[in-house]
Protein backbone atom coordinates (compact mmCIF):
# COMPACT_ATOMS: atom_id res chain seq x y z
CA MET A 1 89.03 128.35 163.44
CA ASP A 2 89.13 131.82 164.97
CA SER A 3 92.01 134.22 164.46
CA VAL A 4 95.33 132.81 165.64
CA ASN A 5 98.36 134.23 167.39
CA LEU A 6 101.76 132.65 167.93
CA CYS A 7 100.82 131.09 171.28
CA THR A 8 97.61 129.49 170.01
CA LEU A 9 99.43 128.36 166.87
CA ILE A 10 101.96 126.41 168.94
CA GLU A 11 99.24 125.03 171.21
CA GLN A 12 96.94 123.89 168.40
CA PHE A 13 99.49 122.80 165.78
CA GLY A 14 102.47 121.59 167.77
CA SER A 15 102.38 118.10 166.27
CA GLU A 16 102.32 116.55 162.82
CA GLU A 17 99.00 114.80 163.55
CA ARG A 18 97.20 118.03 164.44
CA CYS A 19 98.53 119.81 161.35
CA ARG A 20 97.48 116.93 159.10
CA ALA A 21 94.00 116.80 160.65
CA TYR A 22 93.55 120.54 160.09
CA LEU A 23 94.65 120.30 156.45
CA GLU A 24 92.13 117.50 155.95
CA ALA A 25 89.38 119.66 157.43
CA LEU A 26 90.31 122.52 155.07
CA ARG A 27 90.71 120.38 151.95
CA TRP A 28 87.78 118.02 152.50
CA ALA A 29 85.22 119.87 154.57
CA ASP A 30 82.42 117.43 153.72
CA GLU A 31 83.98 114.22 152.41
CA VAL A 32 87.30 112.92 151.15
CA LEU A 33 87.57 112.97 147.36
CA CYS A 34 90.17 111.30 145.18
CA PRO A 35 92.44 114.02 143.71
CA ARG A 36 92.93 111.91 140.57
CA CYS A 37 89.40 110.84 139.56
CA GLY A 38 87.18 112.76 141.99
CA SER A 39 85.49 109.66 143.39
CA ASP A 40 84.06 109.72 146.91
CA LYS A 41 84.41 105.95 147.36
CA ILE A 42 87.45 106.12 149.61
CA SER A 43 89.02 103.72 152.12
CA GLN A 44 91.37 104.93 154.83
CA ILE A 45 94.84 103.48 155.43
CA VAL A 46 95.21 104.58 159.05
CA LYS A 47 98.75 103.38 159.74
CA ARG A 48 100.17 105.33 156.78
CA ASN A 49 98.00 108.47 157.05
CA GLN A 50 96.78 107.73 153.54
CA TYR A 51 93.60 106.97 151.61
CA ASP A 52 92.85 104.45 148.89
CA CYS A 53 90.45 105.24 146.05
CA ASP A 54 88.15 102.27 145.44
CA ALA A 55 87.45 103.52 141.90
CA CYS A 56 90.95 104.09 140.43
CA ARG A 57 93.05 102.48 143.19
CA TYR A 58 95.09 105.65 143.65
CA GLN A 59 96.64 105.94 147.09
CA PHE A 60 97.05 109.45 148.40
CA SER A 61 97.35 111.63 151.49
CA VAL A 62 96.03 115.10 152.28
CA THR A 63 99.25 116.63 150.94
CA ALA A 64 99.01 114.92 147.52
CA GLY A 65 99.10 117.43 144.68
CA THR A 66 99.84 120.35 147.01
CA VAL A 67 102.96 122.35 147.80
CA PHE A 68 103.36 120.21 150.94
CA ASN A 69 103.85 117.04 148.89
CA ASP A 70 107.36 115.53 148.71
CA SER A 71 108.57 118.03 151.31
CA HIS A 72 110.90 116.68 153.97
CA LEU A 73 109.98 119.58 156.23
CA PRO A 74 107.52 118.78 159.06
CA LEU A 75 104.07 120.27 158.59
CA TRP A 76 104.32 122.20 161.85
CA LYS A 77 107.31 124.09 160.43
CA TRP A 78 105.29 124.84 157.29
CA PHE A 79 102.52 126.17 159.52
CA LEU A 80 104.92 128.31 161.57
CA CYS A 81 106.62 129.77 158.48
CA THR A 82 103.24 130.55 156.90
CA TYR A 83 102.13 132.32 160.06
CA LEU A 84 105.33 134.38 160.30
CA LEU A 85 105.08 135.53 156.67
CA CYS A 86 101.41 136.42 157.17
CA GLU A 87 101.97 138.43 160.33
CA SER A 88 105.28 140.16 159.56
CA LYS A 89 104.09 143.51 158.24
CA LYS A 90 107.33 144.23 156.40
CA GLY A 91 108.13 140.62 155.53
CA MET A 92 110.74 138.28 156.94
CA SER A 93 114.02 137.24 155.36
CA ALA A 94 114.98 133.68 154.59
CA ASN A 95 118.00 134.15 156.86
CA GLN A 96 115.76 135.05 159.78
CA LEU A 97 113.46 132.10 159.10
CA SER A 98 116.47 129.82 158.81
CA ARG A 99 117.51 130.80 162.33
CA THR A 100 113.96 130.75 163.73
CA LEU A 101 113.01 127.34 162.33
CA GLY A 102 116.42 125.69 162.61
CA ILE A 103 116.64 124.85 158.92
CA SER A 104 119.19 125.60 156.20
CA TYR A 105 119.09 128.88 154.30
CA LYS A 106 118.38 127.04 151.04
CA THR A 107 115.36 125.29 152.58
CA ALA A 108 114.08 128.53 154.11
CA TRP A 109 114.51 130.42 150.82
CA TYR A 110 112.64 127.78 148.82
CA LEU A 111 109.96 127.53 151.50
CA CYS A 112 109.33 131.29 151.40
CA HIS A 113 109.05 131.31 147.62
CA ARG A 114 106.55 128.45 147.61
CA ILE A 115 104.39 130.36 150.07
CA ARG A 116 104.75 133.59 148.05
CA SER A 117 103.75 131.72 144.91
CA ALA A 118 100.54 130.61 146.60
CA MET A 119 99.83 134.17 147.73
CA ARG A 120 99.62 135.37 144.12
CA GLU A 121 96.11 136.54 143.32
CA VAL A 122 94.62 134.89 140.23
CA ASN A 123 92.18 137.00 138.18
CA PRO A 124 91.43 139.53 140.94
CA GLU A 125 88.41 141.79 140.63
CA PRO A 126 89.19 145.13 138.92
CA LEU A 127 89.44 148.17 141.17
CA GLY A 128 86.90 150.97 141.20
CA GLY A 129 85.86 154.07 143.09
CA VAL A 130 88.74 156.45 143.80
CA ILE A 131 92.05 155.16 142.43
CA GLU A 132 95.55 156.36 143.31
CA MET A 133 98.33 155.42 140.90
CA ASP A 134 102.05 156.06 141.01
CA GLU A 135 105.42 154.50 140.26
CA THR A 136 108.61 154.08 142.24
CA PHE A 137 112.12 152.72 141.78
CA VAL A 138 113.81 150.11 143.93
CA GLY A 139 117.32 148.69 144.12
CA GLY A 140 120.56 150.03 142.73
CA ARG A 141 122.47 153.11 143.75
CA SER A 142 122.02 155.53 140.87
CA ARG A 143 119.96 158.65 141.47
CA THR A 144 120.04 160.01 137.95
CA ARG A 145 117.76 162.94 137.25
CA VAL A 146 116.64 163.98 133.80
CA ASN A 147 115.74 167.65 133.37
CA GLY A 148 115.28 167.87 137.12
CA ASP A 149 112.84 164.95 137.20
CA ARG A 150 113.39 162.38 139.91
CA ARG A 151 112.23 159.45 137.79
CA GLY A 152 115.06 157.00 137.42
CA HIS A 153 113.96 155.19 134.29
CA HIS A 154 117.33 156.28 132.92
CA ALA A 155 119.05 154.63 135.89
CA LYS A 156 119.85 151.20 134.50
CA ASP A 157 120.45 149.56 137.86
CA LYS A 158 116.99 150.27 139.25
CA ASP A 159 113.76 148.30 138.92
CA ILE A 160 110.42 150.00 138.32
CA VAL A 161 107.37 149.21 140.43
CA VAL A 162 103.96 150.54 139.41
CA GLY A 163 101.33 150.76 142.14
CA ILE A 164 97.55 151.07 141.87
CA LYS A 165 95.44 151.43 145.02
CA GLN A 166 91.72 151.77 145.51
CA ARG A 167 91.14 154.27 148.27
CA GLY A 168 89.88 152.32 151.25
CA GLY A 169 90.33 149.12 149.27
CA GLN A 170 92.87 146.86 147.66
CA LEU A 171 96.36 147.36 146.33
CA ARG A 172 98.22 146.13 143.25
CA PHE A 173 101.99 146.18 142.68
CA PHE A 174 103.63 145.38 139.34
CA LYS A 175 107.20 145.17 138.12
CA ALA A 176 107.39 147.27 134.94
CA GLU A 177 109.96 147.56 132.16
CA ASP A 178 109.26 151.28 131.72
CA ILE A 179 106.70 153.96 132.57
CA THR A 180 105.63 154.95 129.09
CA SER A 181 101.99 155.68 128.40
CA GLY A 182 101.56 152.31 126.67
CA THR A 183 102.85 150.35 129.65
CA LEU A 184 100.81 152.37 132.14
CA ALA A 185 97.69 151.99 129.94
CA LYS A 186 98.08 148.21 130.03
CA PHE A 187 98.14 148.16 133.84
CA ILE A 188 95.11 150.46 134.00
CA ARG A 189 93.14 148.46 131.44
CA GLU A 190 93.79 145.17 133.23
CA ASN A 191 93.20 146.36 136.80
CA VAL A 192 90.82 149.33 136.84
CA ARG A 193 87.12 149.41 135.98
CA GLN A 194 86.17 151.73 133.13
CA ASP A 195 83.42 153.31 135.24
CA VAL A 196 85.95 154.31 137.92
CA ASP A 197 85.05 157.52 139.76
CA VAL A 198 88.48 159.13 139.39
CA ILE A 199 92.15 158.23 138.94
CA MET A 200 94.59 160.38 140.90
CA THR A 201 98.22 160.59 139.81
CA ASP A 202 101.18 162.92 140.05
CA GLU A 203 102.25 165.20 137.21
CA TRP A 204 104.11 162.56 135.13
CA ASN A 205 103.21 163.42 131.54
CA ALA A 206 102.52 159.82 130.45
CA TYR A 207 99.42 159.47 132.63
CA PRO A 208 96.84 161.51 130.63
CA LYS A 209 97.50 159.55 127.43
CA ALA A 210 97.66 156.25 129.35
CA ILE A 211 94.27 156.86 130.95
CA MET A 212 92.68 157.81 127.62
CA THR A 213 94.29 154.82 125.87
CA ALA A 214 92.89 152.51 128.55
CA GLY A 215 89.40 153.69 127.61
CA ILE A 216 88.72 155.83 130.66
CA ASN A 217 87.22 159.28 130.25
CA GLY A 218 89.90 161.93 130.73
CA ARG A 219 87.58 163.92 132.97
CA ARG A 220 88.05 161.18 135.54
CA HIS A 221 91.72 162.09 135.97
CA GLU A 222 92.99 164.37 138.76
CA THR A 223 96.63 165.44 139.13
CA ILE A 224 98.65 166.45 142.17
CA ASN A 225 101.80 168.45 141.41
CA HIS A 226 104.61 167.01 143.51
CA LYS A 227 107.23 169.10 141.71
CA SER A 228 105.66 172.21 143.23
CA GLY A 229 105.72 170.68 146.69
CA VAL A 230 101.97 170.00 146.72
CA TYR A 231 100.93 166.63 148.15
CA VAL A 232 97.30 167.24 149.15
CA ASP A 233 94.77 169.41 147.35
CA GLY A 234 91.35 168.87 148.88
CA ASP A 235 90.67 165.16 148.41
CA VAL A 236 93.19 164.91 145.57
CA THR A 237 96.28 163.07 146.79
CA THR A 238 98.39 160.01 146.11
CA ASN A 239 99.46 159.65 149.72
CA GLY A 240 97.76 156.25 149.99
CA ILE A 241 99.84 154.61 147.30
CA GLU A 242 102.93 156.49 148.51
CA SER A 243 102.43 154.94 151.97
CA ALA A 244 102.20 151.49 150.37
CA PHE A 245 105.48 152.16 148.51
CA SER A 246 107.06 153.21 151.79
CA LEU A 247 106.04 149.89 153.37
CA LEU A 248 107.48 148.01 150.39
CA LYS A 249 110.81 149.83 150.63
CA ARG A 250 111.03 149.21 154.37
CA GLY A 251 110.59 145.53 153.60
CA ILE A 252 113.33 145.57 150.97
CA ILE A 253 115.78 147.62 153.05
CA GLY A 254 114.97 146.40 156.54
CA SER A 255 113.84 142.78 156.10
CA TRP A 256 114.92 141.28 152.79
CA HIS A 257 117.92 143.66 152.38
CA LYS A 258 118.30 142.72 148.72
CA VAL A 259 115.75 141.62 146.12
CA SER A 260 116.81 140.47 142.66
CA ALA A 261 114.97 141.74 139.59
CA LYS A 262 114.08 138.15 138.70
CA HIS A 263 112.26 137.47 141.98
CA LEU A 264 110.91 140.98 142.61
CA PRO A 265 107.38 140.06 141.35
CA ALA A 266 107.16 137.31 144.00
CA TYR A 267 107.98 139.78 146.78
CA LEU A 268 105.41 142.20 145.35
CA ASP A 269 102.82 139.40 145.44
CA GLU A 270 103.61 138.74 149.09
CA MET A 271 103.41 142.41 150.04
CA THR A 272 100.11 143.03 148.22
CA PHE A 273 98.51 139.85 149.59
CA ARG A 274 99.41 140.78 153.14
CA PHE A 275 98.31 144.41 152.64
CA ASN A 276 94.98 143.42 151.11
CA ASN A 277 94.29 141.03 153.99
CA ARG A 278 95.45 143.38 156.74
CA ASP A 279 92.01 143.32 158.39
CA ASN A 280 91.29 139.64 157.77
CA PRO A 281 91.09 137.81 161.13
CA PHE A 282 91.33 134.47 159.31
CA LEU A 283 94.44 135.30 157.30
CA PHE A 284 96.39 132.25 158.47
CA ARG A 285 93.57 129.85 157.59
CA ASP A 286 92.96 131.50 154.22
CA THR A 287 96.66 131.36 153.36
CA LEU A 288 96.76 127.63 154.14
CA MET A 289 93.78 127.14 151.83
CA LYS A 290 95.69 128.92 149.06
CA LEU A 291 98.68 126.65 149.73
CA ILE A 292 96.45 123.60 149.32
CA GLY A 293 95.10 124.80 145.98
CA ALA A 294 98.18 126.45 144.50
CA PRO A 295 100.26 124.89 141.70
CA VAL A 296 103.48 123.29 142.88
CA LEU A 297 106.53 125.52 142.34
CA GLU A 298 109.50 123.31 141.44
CA TYR A 299 112.96 124.30 142.62
CA LYS A 300 114.46 123.90 139.14
CA LYS A 301 111.88 126.31 137.73
CA LEU A 302 112.45 128.79 140.55
CA THR A 303 116.22 128.79 139.98
CA ALA A 304 116.17 128.63 136.17
CA ALA A 305 118.08 131.38 134.40
């Protein structure tokens, strides 16, 4: 399917039958396989929109084992919510989706989190080339400064977000407990190639040690001094990751309004997935494929203390 807009979405997926047929085409492009034993000896139960496995006698539908299973919400509302989350640059609140889809806030909230859970990238390729790295603080009201430094790691009501962006490439956001060299080194080690061309950061004194600890040659580190009011020095800048932080904060302030520390990683997953697929004309299709293959997020796990 080509790229989709809201009008074509309604035209093509305005009924349960069309949505189900499209999911079947995505899940079983060549032939229907039993999700329990993998057999291709399948009989169709037309009246119930189900299949019967001739090998293990398991009866299943296209939604079996997916996030769509056991959902009382019509598939066309799943499709519409998925599209809106994909195309809303700064995200969309559960309250807004509740009004748009005509469902309860609780249903909309759970629906959004199931889609966000599927958006999480599993074992993504490490970043290379020119890397920009920075940290920011979200939530809370405190603006504590320490020795004139803006970093609010002493502000107990704020959450720390570390960002790593490959220039002209992908983005990673992480919720962090602190911004010590050890914590920063862990993010670098897990997400940046050791043969990276250069890592650009601001003047925060934990970065040099973090980069060396992560096994990257210190000569591949360039610093821009924000304290002195310098934001661009030739090609040395962290403006790319700063712009990504700005988009995140607009989402928190303007769309979600409030994000709890517990669920912040899920919102970061949504924002990075949408950012990294900003030029993907098949984003809606690819997101549905992730929904088909993603583990089921149970409500009791989502709401557990």
